[in-house]
Amino acid sequence: MPKLDIQISVEDDGWPDEQVLAALSERTLAAAVDLLVREEGQPFPEMAPELSLVFTGDEEIQQINAEWRGKDKPTNVLSFPAFPLTPGKKPGPMLGDIVIARQTVEREAAELEKTFEEHLTHLLVHGFLHLFGYDHMEADEAEKMEGLETRILGVLGLSDPYAGQGPLV
């Protein structure tokens, strides 16, 4: 199975210990890679592509969101592909960056009546799929991406985060 070179940066207080985040991230993203390869035929380079995970807070992600997306508010996860990628195409040596805000994850997990770890796992999968060119701007794209998220989370023993709602467009 293809591997990832995961680099982790914890830039806000209150996150679990870096080793805990690393173990959760490695398990989650290995499941994502395995499903993408097995079910979608996703090719991978021979050398493990690099992925950067930044665990930050609402204030920092709000600044990033304002600068890069023109949205001056915090969000849960942002993904920045190193290179544009179309689903099913081979990535380069660097996948990109995923940035996650702790306070938003905590707030949303409580609202969704999920554990922090369950919601964080979902956001890691969501952000990871964005690096591979999956999106949810159009209904058909959202349906494809959400289906992948649901299947990956199912492999990890987690429930469908979209149950009972239409695609998030």
C-alpha atoms as a PDB file:
ATOM      1  CA  MET A   1       0.000   0.000   0.000  1.00  0.00           C
ATOM      2  CA  PRO A   2       1.320   3.490  -0.793  1.00  0.00           C
ATOM      3  CA  LYS A   3       2.619   5.517   2.135  1.00  0.00           C
ATOM      4  CA  LEU A   4       2.486   9.202   2.999  1.00  0.00           C
ATOM      5  CA  ASP A   5       5.194  11.398   4.504  1.00  0.00           C
ATOM      6  CA  ILE A   6       3.090  13.334   7.024  1.00  0.00           C
ATOM      7  CA  GLN A   7       4.543  16.473   8.580  1.00  0.00           C
ATOM      8  CA  ILE A   8       2.649  17.826  11.598  1.00  0.00           C
ATOM      9  CA  SER A   9       2.689  21.303  13.076  1.00  0.00           C
ATOM     10  CA  VAL A  10       0.662  22.116  16.204  1.00  0.00           C
ATOM     11  CA  GLU A  11       0.221  25.887  16.353  1.00  0.00           C
ATOM     12  CA  ASP A  12      -2.485  26.352  18.980  1.00  0.00           C
ATOM     13  CA  ASP A  13      -2.931  25.352  22.609  1.00  0.00           C
ATOM     14  CA  GLY A  14      -5.577  22.824  23.512  1.00  0.00           C
ATOM     15  CA  TRP A  15      -4.878  20.254  20.791  1.00  0.00           C
ATOM     16  CA  PRO A  16      -4.169  16.681  21.872  1.00  0.00           C
ATOM     17  CA  ASP A  17      -0.505  15.743  22.154  1.00  0.00           C
ATOM     18  CA  GLU A  18       1.378  15.692  18.828  1.00  0.00           C
ATOM     19  CA  GLN A  19       1.922  11.918  19.066  1.00  0.00           C
ATOM     20  CA  VAL A  20      -1.846  11.427  19.492  1.00  0.00           C
ATOM     21  CA  LEU A  21      -2.528  13.649  16.469  1.00  0.00           C
ATOM     22  CA  ALA A  22       0.119  11.798  14.454  1.00  0.00           C
ATOM     23  CA  ALA A  23      -1.364   8.377  15.280  1.00  0.00           C
ATOM     24  CA  LEU A  24      -4.916   9.540  14.452  1.00  0.00           C
ATOM     25  CA  SER A  25      -3.769  11.210  11.227  1.00  0.00           C
ATOM     26  CA  GLU A  26      -1.711   8.221  10.079  1.00  0.00           C
ATOM     27  CA  ARG A  27      -4.556   5.749  10.728  1.00  0.00           C
ATOM     28  CA  THR A  28      -7.151   8.007   9.090  1.00  0.00           C
ATOM     29  CA  LEU A  29      -5.128   8.884   6.008  1.00  0.00           C
ATOM     30  CA  ALA A  30      -3.888   5.304   5.533  1.00  0.00           C
ATOM     31  CA  ALA A  31      -7.545   4.231   5.341  1.00  0.00           C
ATOM     32  CA  ALA A  32      -8.197   7.018   2.835  1.00  0.00           C
ATOM     33  CA  VAL A  33      -5.205   6.049   0.682  1.00  0.00           C
ATOM     34  CA  ASP A  34      -6.166   2.379   0.782  1.00  0.00           C
ATOM     35  CA  LEU A  35      -9.750   3.064  -0.310  1.00  0.00           C
ATOM     36  CA  LEU A  36      -8.698   5.493  -3.048  1.00  0.00           C
ATOM     37  CA  VAL A  37      -6.212   2.975  -4.454  1.00  0.00           C
ATOM     38  CA  ARG A  38      -8.450  -0.084  -4.092  1.00  0.00           C
ATOM     39  CA  GLU A  39     -11.807   1.375  -5.148  1.00  0.00           C
ATOM     40  CA  GLU A  40     -10.901   4.369  -7.301  1.00  0.00           C
ATOM     41  CA  GLY A  41      -7.655   3.133  -8.872  1.00  0.00           C
ATOM     42  CA  GLN A  42      -5.827   6.212  -7.569  1.00  0.00           C
ATOM     43  CA  PRO A  43      -2.159   6.056  -8.659  1.00  0.00           C
ATOM     44  CA  PHE A  44       0.604   7.128  -6.270  1.00  0.00           C
ATOM     45  CA  PRO A  45       4.265   7.982  -6.839  1.00  0.00           C
ATOM     46  CA  GLU A  46       6.851   5.404  -5.772  1.00  0.00           C
ATOM     47  CA  MET A  47       8.247   7.715  -3.097  1.00  0.00           C
ATOM     48  CA  ALA A  48       5.804   8.642  -0.352  1.00  0.00           C
ATOM     49  CA  PRO A  49       4.318  12.052  -1.202  1.00  0.00           C
ATOM     50  CA  GLU A  50       4.602  14.709   1.485  1.00  0.00           C
ATOM     51  CA  LEU A  51       1.577  16.100   3.261  1.00  0.00           C
ATOM     52  CA  SER A  52       1.583  18.910   5.807  1.00  0.00           C
ATOM     53  CA  LEU A  53      -1.017  18.978   8.582  1.00  0.00           C
ATOM     54  CA  VAL A  54      -1.346  22.227  10.523  1.00  0.00           C
ATOM     55  CA  PHE A  55      -3.384  22.083  13.712  1.00  0.00           C
ATOM     56  CA  THR A  56      -4.208  25.673  14.577  1.00  0.00           C
ATOM     57  CA  GLY A  57      -6.968  27.836  16.052  1.00  0.00           C
ATOM     58  CA  ASP A  58      -9.882  29.950  14.905  1.00  0.00           C
ATOM     59  CA  GLU A  59      -7.962  33.223  14.875  1.00  0.00           C
ATOM     60  CA  GLU A  60      -5.219  31.869  12.627  1.00  0.00           C
ATOM     61  CA  ILE A  61      -7.543  30.027  10.257  1.00  0.00           C
ATOM     62  CA  GLN A  62      -9.736  33.122   9.970  1.00  0.00           C
ATOM     63  CA  GLN A  63      -6.704  35.090   8.736  1.00  0.00           C
ATOM     64  CA  ILE A  64      -5.836  32.353   6.226  1.00  0.00           C
ATOM     65  CA  ASN A  65      -9.457  32.070   5.090  1.00  0.00           C
ATOM     66  CA  ALA A  66      -9.667  35.855   4.574  1.00  0.00           C
ATOM     67  CA  GLU A  67      -6.378  35.988   2.656  1.00  0.00           C
ATOM     68  CA  TRP A  68      -6.878  32.968   0.395  1.00  0.00           C
ATOM     69  CA  ARG A  69     -10.646  32.691   0.036  1.00  0.00           C
ATOM     70  CA  GLY A  70     -11.873  36.227   0.764  1.00  0.00           C
ATOM     71  CA  LYS A  71     -13.984  34.919   3.661  1.00  0.00           C
ATOM     72  CA  ASP A  72     -13.215  36.791   6.879  1.00  0.00           C
ATOM     73  CA  LYS A  73     -14.426  34.137   9.281  1.00  0.00           C
ATOM     74  CA  PRO A  74     -13.079  30.976  10.872  1.00  0.00           C
ATOM     75  CA  THR A  75     -13.740  27.641   9.195  1.00  0.00           C
ATOM     76  CA  ASN A  76     -13.101  24.048  10.196  1.00  0.00           C
ATOM     77  CA  VAL A  77     -10.639  22.897   7.516  1.00  0.00           C
ATOM     78  CA  LEU A  78      -8.756  24.409   4.590  1.00  0.00           C
ATOM     79  CA  SER A  79      -6.827  22.449   1.982  1.00  0.00           C
ATOM     80  CA  PHE A  80      -4.079  23.808  -0.212  1.00  0.00           C
ATOM     81  CA  PRO A  81      -2.948  21.388  -2.927  1.00  0.00           C
ATOM     82  CA  ALA A  82       0.725  21.767  -3.837  1.00  0.00           C
ATOM     83  CA  PHE A  83      -0.274  21.282  -7.475  1.00  0.00           C
ATOM     84  CA  PRO A  84      -3.708  21.124  -9.101  1.00  0.00           C
ATOM     85  CA  LEU A  85      -4.787  17.508  -9.341  1.00  0.00           C
ATOM     86  CA  THR A  86      -7.681  15.850 -11.110  1.00  0.00           C
ATOM     87  CA  PRO A  87      -9.197  12.840  -9.312  1.00  0.00           C
ATOM     88  CA  GLY A  88      -7.541   9.681 -10.566  1.00  0.00           C
ATOM     89  CA  LYS A  89      -4.349  11.405 -11.746  1.00  0.00           C
ATOM     90  CA  LYS A  90      -0.970  10.686 -10.156  1.00  0.00           C
ATOM     91  CA  PRO A  91       0.119  13.264  -7.559  1.00  0.00           C
ATOM     92  CA  GLY A  92       3.589  14.715  -7.402  1.00  0.00           C
ATOM     93  CA  PRO A  93       6.048  14.445  -4.517  1.00  0.00           C
ATOM     94  CA  MET A  94       4.121  17.019  -2.472  1.00  0.00           C
ATOM     95  CA  LEU A  95       0.377  16.731  -1.915  1.00  0.00           C
ATOM     96  CA  GLY A  96      -0.088  20.028  -0.075  1.00  0.00           C
ATOM     97  CA  ASP A  97      -1.327  21.377   3.234  1.00  0.00           C
ATOM     98  CA  ILE A  98      -4.380  20.768   5.380  1.00  0.00           C
ATOM     99  CA  VAL A  99      -5.107  23.359   8.074  1.00  0.00           C
ATOM    100  CA  ILE A 100      -7.636  22.599  10.841  1.00  0.00           C
ATOM    101  CA  ALA A 101      -8.991  24.950  13.542  1.00  0.00           C
ATOM    102  CA  ARG A 102      -9.426  23.429  17.000  1.00  0.00           C
ATOM    103  CA  GLN A 103     -12.183  25.703  18.337  1.00  0.00           C
ATOM    104  CA  THR A 104     -14.364  25.203  15.262  1.00  0.00           C
ATOM    105  CA  VAL A 105     -13.854  21.431  15.407  1.00  0.00           C
ATOM    106  CA  GLU A 106     -14.852  21.438  19.103  1.00  0.00           C
ATOM    107  CA  ARG A 107     -17.924  23.611  18.477  1.00  0.00           C
ATOM    108  CA  GLU A 108     -19.108  21.594  15.481  1.00  0.00           C
ATOM    109  CA  ALA A 109     -18.510  18.257  17.229  1.00  0.00           C
ATOM    110  CA  ALA A 110     -20.727  19.383  20.118  1.00  0.00           C
ATOM    111  CA  GLU A 111     -23.424  20.610  17.702  1.00  0.00           C
ATOM    112  CA  LEU A 112     -23.290  17.322  15.775  1.00  0.00           C
ATOM    113  CA  GLU A 113     -23.241  15.294  19.017  1.00  0.00           C
ATOM    114  CA  LYS A 114     -20.025  13.591  17.940  1.00  0.00           C
ATOM    115  CA  THR A 115     -16.742  13.230  19.752  1.00  0.00           C
ATOM    116  CA  PHE A 116     -13.930  15.620  18.946  1.00  0.00           C
ATOM    117  CA  GLU A 117     -11.920  12.698  17.510  1.00  0.00           C
ATOM    118  CA  GLU A 118     -14.780  11.561  15.240  1.00  0.00           C
ATOM    119  CA  HIS A 119     -15.273  15.039  13.795  1.00  0.00           C
ATOM    120  CA  LEU A 120     -11.527  15.628  13.431  1.00  0.00           C
ATOM    121  CA  THR A 121     -11.263  12.303  11.583  1.00  0.00           C
ATOM    122  CA  HIS A 122     -13.993  13.394   9.172  1.00  0.00           C
ATOM    123  CA  LEU A 123     -12.293  16.737   8.538  1.00  0.00           C
ATOM    124  CA  LEU A 124      -8.942  15.040   7.874  1.00  0.00           C
ATOM    125  CA  VAL A 125     -10.610  12.832   5.271  1.00  0.00           C
ATOM    126  CA  HIS A 126     -12.487  15.798   3.770  1.00  0.00           C
ATOM    127  CA  GLY A 127      -9.349  17.932   3.522  1.00  0.00           C
ATOM    128  CA  PHE A 128      -7.336  15.022   2.129  1.00  0.00           C
ATOM    129  CA  LEU A 129      -9.822  14.409  -0.673  1.00  0.00           C
ATOM    130  CA  HIS A 130      -9.593  18.074  -1.668  1.00  0.00           C
ATOM    131  CA  LEU A 131      -5.851  17.566  -2.237  1.00  0.00           C
ATOM    132  CA  PHE A 132      -6.751  14.906  -4.814  1.00  0.00           C
ATOM    133  CA  GLY A 133      -9.051  17.243  -6.721  1.00  0.00           C
ATOM    134  CA  TYR A 134     -12.359  16.209  -5.200  1.00  0.00           C
ATOM    135  CA  ASP A 135     -14.755  19.074  -4.565  1.00  0.00           C
ATOM    136  CA  HIS A 136     -18.313  19.859  -3.578  1.00  0.00           C
ATOM    137  CA  MET A 137     -19.103  22.953  -5.640  1.00  0.00           C
ATOM    138  CA  GLU A 138     -21.597  21.145  -7.882  1.00  0.00           C
ATOM    139  CA  ALA A 139     -24.177  18.558  -6.770  1.00  0.00           C
ATOM    140  CA  ASP A 140     -22.598  15.667  -8.705  1.00  0.00           C
ATOM    141  CA  GLU A 141     -19.112  16.509  -7.353  1.00  0.00           C
ATOM    142  CA  ALA A 142     -20.493  16.779  -3.814  1.00  0.00           C
ATOM    143  CA  GLU A 143     -22.246  13.421  -4.139  1.00  0.00           C
ATOM    144  CA  LYS A 144     -19.000  11.748  -5.300  1.00  0.00           C
ATOM    145  CA  MET A 145     -16.858  13.357  -2.590  1.00  0.00           C
ATOM    146  CA  GLU A 146     -19.345  12.713   0.203  1.00  0.00           C
ATOM    147  CA  GLY A 147     -19.688   9.086  -0.914  1.00  0.00           C
ATOM    148  CA  LEU A 148     -15.926   8.645  -0.655  1.00  0.00           C
ATOM    149  CA  GLU A 149     -15.851  10.319   2.765  1.00  0.00           C
ATOM    150  CA  THR A 150     -18.648   8.071   4.004  1.00  0.00           C
ATOM    151  CA  ARG A 151     -16.933   4.896   2.749  1.00  0.00           C
ATOM    152  CA  ILE A 152     -13.561   5.892   4.251  1.00  0.00           C
ATOM    153  CA  LEU A 153     -15.170   6.744   7.583  1.00  0.00           C
ATOM    154  CA  GLY A 154     -17.057   3.429   7.457  1.00  0.00           C
ATOM    155  CA  VAL A 155     -13.737   1.574   7.142  1.00  0.00           C
ATOM    156  CA  LEU A 156     -12.700   3.392  10.320  1.00  0.00           C
ATOM    157  CA  GLY A 157     -15.914   2.358  12.087  1.00  0.00           C
ATOM    158  CA  LEU A 158     -17.538   5.800  11.965  1.00  0.00           C
ATOM    159  CA  SER A 159     -21.053   6.668  10.862  1.00  0.00           C
ATOM    160  CA  ASP A 160     -22.117   8.561   7.741  1.00  0.00           C
ATOM    161  CA  PRO A 161     -21.677  12.276   8.533  1.00  0.00           C
ATOM    162  CA  TYR A 162     -24.157  13.199   5.769  1.00  0.00           C
ATOM    163  CA  ALA A 163     -26.980  10.827   6.740  1.00  0.00           C
ATOM    164  CA  GLY A 164     -30.354  12.478   6.312  1.00  0.00           C
ATOM    165  CA  GLN A 165     -29.217  15.428   4.220  1.00  0.00           C
ATOM    166  CA  GLY A 166     -28.646  16.175   0.540  1.00  0.00           C
ATOM    167  CA  PRO A 167     -25.203  16.895  -0.932  1.00  0.00           C
ATOM    168  CA  LEU A 168     -23.516  19.973   0.539  1.00  0.00           C
ATOM    169  CA  VAL A 169     -23.120  22.287  -2.427  1.00  0.00           C
END
